[in-house]
Each structure stands twice: as structure tokens, then as C-alpha cells.
């Protein structure tokens, strides 16, 4: 029983530490890159550059209390819910009501107090969104 309680404490601390680093910061996208190890695909490379110059020029994300997630693009906010999975390696983002039919899974590539890089899927390709805390 003592080991089960210890395991639960360790699990809680490891899951919430990533959560704490994400909380109450504006994570502004500053770069969009192709994930390392991806095969050379000129369409994917061009799309990453286009996304950086276009869609992601004024985008930031916020993770707030009560699992509230806010994505803001060109000063237009949209909200949903988030949940840390796999010991903070994956973030599930869903609609406000938690409906998972529109779930987006984000893989955490880098997370510290100032940088949060995430692997996301857009269309047919995966990209890494590089963000900085503001």
C-alpha cells in the first residue's frame, strides 16, 4: 500500500510539472519547421514556410486553470479544454464540452520555462510549432 501511494504521488508530480510550466503564459509561435527525421518532401518544406509567413504570423496559445485552453489568431480567441497525457508528453485538446470527436493530440517536443515546441498535424503533414513565452 505504501508503494501505491508513493507511485501516485510521483505520477501526480510528474504530470503536473509540465502543466505548471505551461500555465498562465502566452506561448507565441515564432517558427514552423519540419520534424527532424522526416523524409525530404518539398511540398512539406514549402508548406512549413508558408504557414510561418501566413497563418502562424500572429498566433499564441494559453493554458489556464481548470484545463482551459485558448488559441488566439489575429486577435480572435477560440477556447477549448486540454488534458496532459503520457506523463506530459502529449496534450489532448478538445472542444469546451470535452467532446473528443474533434480532439487534437499535440506531442510535446520541448518544454521549459521559456520555450514550448510542439509537434502538430496540419493536413497531410506533421510540423513543429516553436513557441516562446511572453
Protein backbone atom coordinates (compact mmCIF):
# COMPACT_ATOMS: atom_id res chain seq x y z
CA UNK A 1 0.00 0.00 0.00
CA UNK A 2 2.84 2.37 0.84
CA UNK A 3 4.32 1.84 -2.64
CA UNK A 4 0.99 2.55 -4.35
CA UNK A 5 0.69 5.88 -2.52
CA UNK A 6 4.31 6.75 -3.36
CA UNK A 7 3.72 5.88 -7.04
CA UNK A 8 0.57 8.04 -7.09
CA UNK A 9 2.49 10.99 -5.62
CA UNK A 10 5.31 10.61 -8.16
CA UNK A 11 2.81 10.31 -11.02
CA UNK A 12 0.90 13.39 -9.83
CA UNK A 13 4.08 15.46 -9.52
CA UNK A 14 5.41 14.42 -12.93
CA UNK A 15 2.11 15.15 -14.66
CA UNK A 16 1.56 18.49 -13.02
CA UNK A 17 5.11 19.77 -13.51
CA UNK A 18 4.62 20.13 -17.27
CA UNK A 19 1.21 21.57 -16.61
CA UNK A 20 2.76 24.17 -14.30
CA UNK A 21 5.31 25.21 -16.93
CA UNK A 22 2.52 25.74 -19.46
CA UNK A 23 0.15 27.63 -17.19
CA UNK A 24 -0.54 31.36 -17.37
CA UNK A 25 1.83 32.21 -20.19
CA UNK A 26 1.24 33.38 -23.73
CA UNK A 27 3.08 30.95 -25.99
CA UNK A 28 3.64 32.89 -29.23
CA UNK A 29 4.51 30.90 -32.37
CA UNK A 30 7.78 32.19 -33.85
CA UNK A 31 8.71 29.36 -36.23
CA UNK A 32 7.21 26.38 -38.07
CA UNK A 33 9.63 23.61 -39.04
CA UNK A 34 9.57 20.10 -40.46
CA UNK A 35 10.23 17.48 -37.74
CA UNK A 36 13.75 16.05 -37.72
CA UNK A 37 13.98 12.68 -39.42
CA UNK A 38 11.18 13.44 -41.86
CA UNK A 39 11.96 12.43 -45.40
CA UNK A 40 12.75 15.26 -47.79
CA UNK A 41 9.41 16.43 -49.15
CA UNK A 42 9.47 19.77 -50.95
CA UNK A 43 5.70 20.19 -50.51
CA UNK A 44 6.05 19.79 -46.72
CA UNK A 45 9.01 22.19 -46.60
CA UNK A 46 7.14 24.77 -48.67
CA UNK A 47 4.03 24.39 -46.53
CA UNK A 48 6.05 24.95 -43.32
CA UNK A 49 7.47 28.19 -44.76
CA UNK A 50 4.04 29.26 -45.97
CA UNK A 51 2.44 28.55 -42.57
CA UNK A 52 5.16 30.55 -40.83
CA UNK A 53 4.67 33.56 -43.14
CA UNK A 54 0.89 33.25 -43.20
CA UNK A 55 -1.36 31.53 -40.70
CA UNK A 56 1.09 31.48 -37.78
CA UNK A 57 2.34 35.09 -38.02
CA UNK A 58 0.13 36.21 -35.12
CA UNK A 59 -0.81 33.08 -33.15
CA UNK A 60 -0.41 32.31 -29.49
CA UNK A 61 -1.69 29.71 -27.07
CA UNK A 62 -2.60 29.88 -23.39
CA UNK A 63 -3.14 27.10 -20.88
CA UNK A 64 -5.17 28.31 -17.91
CA UNK A 65 -6.71 26.92 -14.73
CA UNK A 66 -9.47 24.33 -14.92
CA UNK A 67 -7.92 22.87 -18.09
CA UNK A 68 -8.99 25.87 -20.17
CA UNK A 69 -7.10 26.25 -23.46
CA UNK A 70 -7.20 29.42 -25.54
CA UNK A 71 -5.82 29.74 -29.06
CA UNK A 72 -5.65 33.27 -30.44
CA UNK A 73 -5.12 34.00 -34.13
CA UNK A 74 -5.00 37.63 -35.32
CA UNK A 75 -6.59 38.75 -32.01
CA UNK A 76 -9.51 36.33 -32.41
CA UNK A 77 -9.61 33.88 -29.47
CA UNK A 78 -11.05 30.38 -29.54
CA UNK A 79 -11.24 28.20 -26.46
CA UNK A 80 -11.35 24.55 -25.56
CA UNK A 81 -10.16 22.11 -22.93
CA UNK A 82 -6.77 20.47 -22.56
CA UNK A 83 -5.50 17.47 -20.68
CA UNK A 84 -1.94 16.27 -20.18
CA UNK A 85 -1.42 12.63 -21.21
CA UNK A 86 1.51 10.18 -21.16
CA UNK A 87 3.33 11.90 -18.29
CA UNK A 88 3.17 15.27 -20.02
CA UNK A 89 4.45 14.06 -23.39
CA UNK A 90 1.11 14.53 -25.15
CA UNK A 91 -1.59 17.16 -24.76
CA UNK A 92 -5.18 16.39 -25.72
CA UNK A 93 -7.07 19.47 -26.88
CA UNK A 94 -10.83 19.19 -27.24
CA UNK A 95 -13.91 21.37 -27.54
CA UNK A 96 -15.13 23.27 -24.46
CA UNK A 97 -17.53 20.46 -23.59
CA UNK A 98 -14.71 17.89 -23.73
CA UNK A 99 -16.12 16.24 -26.87
CA UNK A 100 -13.28 14.11 -28.22
CA UNK A 101 -14.70 13.81 -31.75
CA UNK A 102 -12.67 16.92 -32.60
CA UNK A 103 -9.68 16.05 -30.44
CA UNK A 104 -6.23 17.27 -31.46
CA UNK A 105 -3.24 15.47 -29.99
CA UNK A 106 -0.13 17.59 -29.60
CA UNK A 107 3.24 15.97 -28.89
CA UNK A 108 5.48 17.95 -26.57
CA UNK A 109 8.94 18.21 -28.17
CA UNK A 110 10.48 20.81 -25.83
CA UNK A 111 9.02 22.38 -22.72
CA UNK A 112 10.82 24.62 -20.28
CA UNK A 113 10.02 27.97 -18.68
CA UNK A 114 10.60 29.95 -21.88
CA UNK A 115 10.17 27.55 -24.83
CA UNK A 116 7.42 25.17 -25.81
CA UNK A 117 7.86 23.29 -29.07
CA UNK A 118 5.02 21.03 -30.14
CA UNK A 119 4.52 18.56 -32.95
CA UNK A 120 1.16 19.02 -34.66
CA UNK A 121 -0.54 17.65 -37.73
CA UNK A 122 -1.80 20.03 -40.39
CA UNK A 123 -3.34 18.48 -43.45
CA UNK A 124 -1.19 15.58 -44.58
CA UNK A 125 1.96 16.62 -42.74
CA UNK A 126 3.42 16.99 -39.27
CA UNK A 127 5.12 20.22 -38.23
CA UNK A 128 6.81 21.51 -35.14
CA UNK A 129 5.47 24.80 -33.87
CA UNK A 130 8.21 26.60 -31.98
CA UNK A 131 6.84 28.98 -29.36
CA UNK A 132 8.27 31.36 -26.78
CA UNK A 133 6.67 32.55 -23.58
CA UNK A 134 5.76 36.22 -23.49
